[in-house]
Amino acid sequence: MPGIEAGGKEYSGMQQTFSSPPSYAKGEKLTVLYNPADPQESYPDNLPDNYFGCLVGGVFGLVTLLIGLSYLLASRLKARKTAQ
């Protein structure tokens, strides 16, 4: 990851994700988000990288919810059918 300057000091970091070809070209300008208290804690402002974990968790939660609802619906339909 490219270096950033904060408080008159220059910091550099490593990109947390791997891509081939690289996400950024050498010398390319990009927005970097960083913790002002610890500028070494920084990462590029990139929507897919920033929200990948949330997206995976959300999809997993949605699939789990749909499976649970389908079992609930199936058991209710079975109970209604046997009650008749």
Protein backbone atom coordinates (compact mmCIF):
# COMPACT_ATOMS: atom_id res chain seq x y z
CA MET A 1 0.00 0.00 0.00
CA PRO A 2 1.29 3.48 -0.67
CA GLY A 3 2.69 5.71 2.03
CA ILE A 4 0.60 8.30 3.80
CA GLU A 5 1.66 11.45 5.56
CA ALA A 6 0.11 12.37 8.91
CA GLY A 7 1.39 14.80 11.49
CA GLY A 8 4.48 15.53 9.41
CA LYS A 9 5.55 11.87 9.37
CA GLU A 10 5.32 9.39 6.51
CA TYR A 11 3.82 5.95 7.10
CA SER A 12 3.49 2.93 4.84
CA GLY A 13 1.40 -0.19 5.15
CA MET A 14 0.46 -3.40 3.44
CA GLN A 15 -2.74 -4.08 1.55
CA GLN A 16 -4.85 -6.66 3.41
CA THR A 17 -6.29 -8.34 0.33
CA PHE A 18 -4.60 -9.92 -2.67
CA SER A 19 -5.64 -9.44 -6.26
CA SER A 20 -4.13 -10.37 -9.57
CA PRO A 21 -3.62 -8.05 -11.36
CA PRO A 22 -2.86 -5.64 -8.50
CA SER A 23 -5.70 -3.32 -7.46
CA TYR A 24 -3.53 -0.24 -7.72
CA ALA A 25 -0.68 0.77 -10.00
CA LYS A 26 2.55 2.11 -8.55
CA GLY A 27 2.25 5.89 -8.20
CA GLU A 28 -1.54 5.83 -8.52
CA LYS A 29 -3.33 8.35 -6.29
CA LEU A 30 -6.04 6.96 -4.02
CA THR A 31 -7.95 7.87 -0.89
CA VAL A 32 -6.62 6.21 2.26
CA LEU A 33 -8.56 5.88 5.51
CA TYR A 34 -6.42 5.83 8.64
CA ASN A 35 -6.66 6.02 12.40
CA PRO A 36 -5.35 9.47 13.47
CA ALA A 37 -4.15 8.00 16.78
CA ASP A 38 -2.21 5.27 14.95
CA PRO A 39 -1.54 6.19 11.28
CA GLN A 40 0.05 2.76 10.70
CA GLU A 41 -3.51 1.44 10.93
CA SER A 42 -4.60 2.43 7.43
CA TYR A 43 -6.30 0.98 4.39
CA PRO A 44 -7.48 2.18 0.97
CA ASP A 45 -11.00 3.56 0.76
CA ASN A 46 -12.24 0.75 -1.46
CA LEU A 47 -15.90 -0.28 -1.19
CA PRO A 48 -15.53 -4.03 -1.96
CA ASP A 49 -12.57 -4.47 0.41
CA ASN A 50 -14.20 -2.44 3.20
CA TYR A 51 -17.52 -4.28 3.17
CA PHE A 52 -16.60 -7.80 2.06
CA GLY A 53 -16.88 -9.24 5.57
CA CYS A 54 -20.25 -7.59 6.15
CA LEU A 55 -21.51 -8.85 2.81
CA VAL A 56 -20.42 -12.44 3.51
CA GLY A 57 -21.97 -12.32 6.99
CA GLY A 58 -25.20 -10.85 5.64
CA VAL A 59 -25.52 -13.48 2.90
CA PHE A 60 -24.80 -16.26 5.41
CA GLY A 61 -27.40 -14.84 7.80
CA LEU A 62 -30.00 -14.52 5.02
CA VAL A 63 -29.44 -18.11 3.85
CA THR A 64 -29.70 -19.36 7.45
CA LEU A 65 -32.91 -17.39 7.96
CA LEU A 66 -34.45 -18.77 4.76
CA ILE A 67 -33.57 -22.35 5.73
CA GLY A 68 -35.06 -21.86 9.21
CA LEU A 69 -38.24 -20.32 7.81
CA SER A 70 -38.63 -23.14 5.29
CA TYR A 71 -38.37 -25.75 8.10
CA LEU A 72 -40.88 -23.80 10.18
CA LEU A 73 -43.31 -23.54 7.27
CA ALA A 74 -42.90 -27.23 6.41
CA SER A 75 -43.57 -28.32 10.00
CA ARG A 76 -46.69 -26.14 10.23
CA LEU A 77 -48.04 -27.47 6.93
CA LYS A 78 -47.36 -31.04 8.08
CA ALA A 79 -49.10 -30.40 11.42
CA ARG A 80 -52.11 -28.88 9.63
CA LYS A 81 -52.30 -31.82 7.22
CA THR A 82 -52.17 -34.45 10.03
CA ALA A 83 -54.79 -32.55 12.08
CA GLN A 84 -57.37 -32.86 9.31
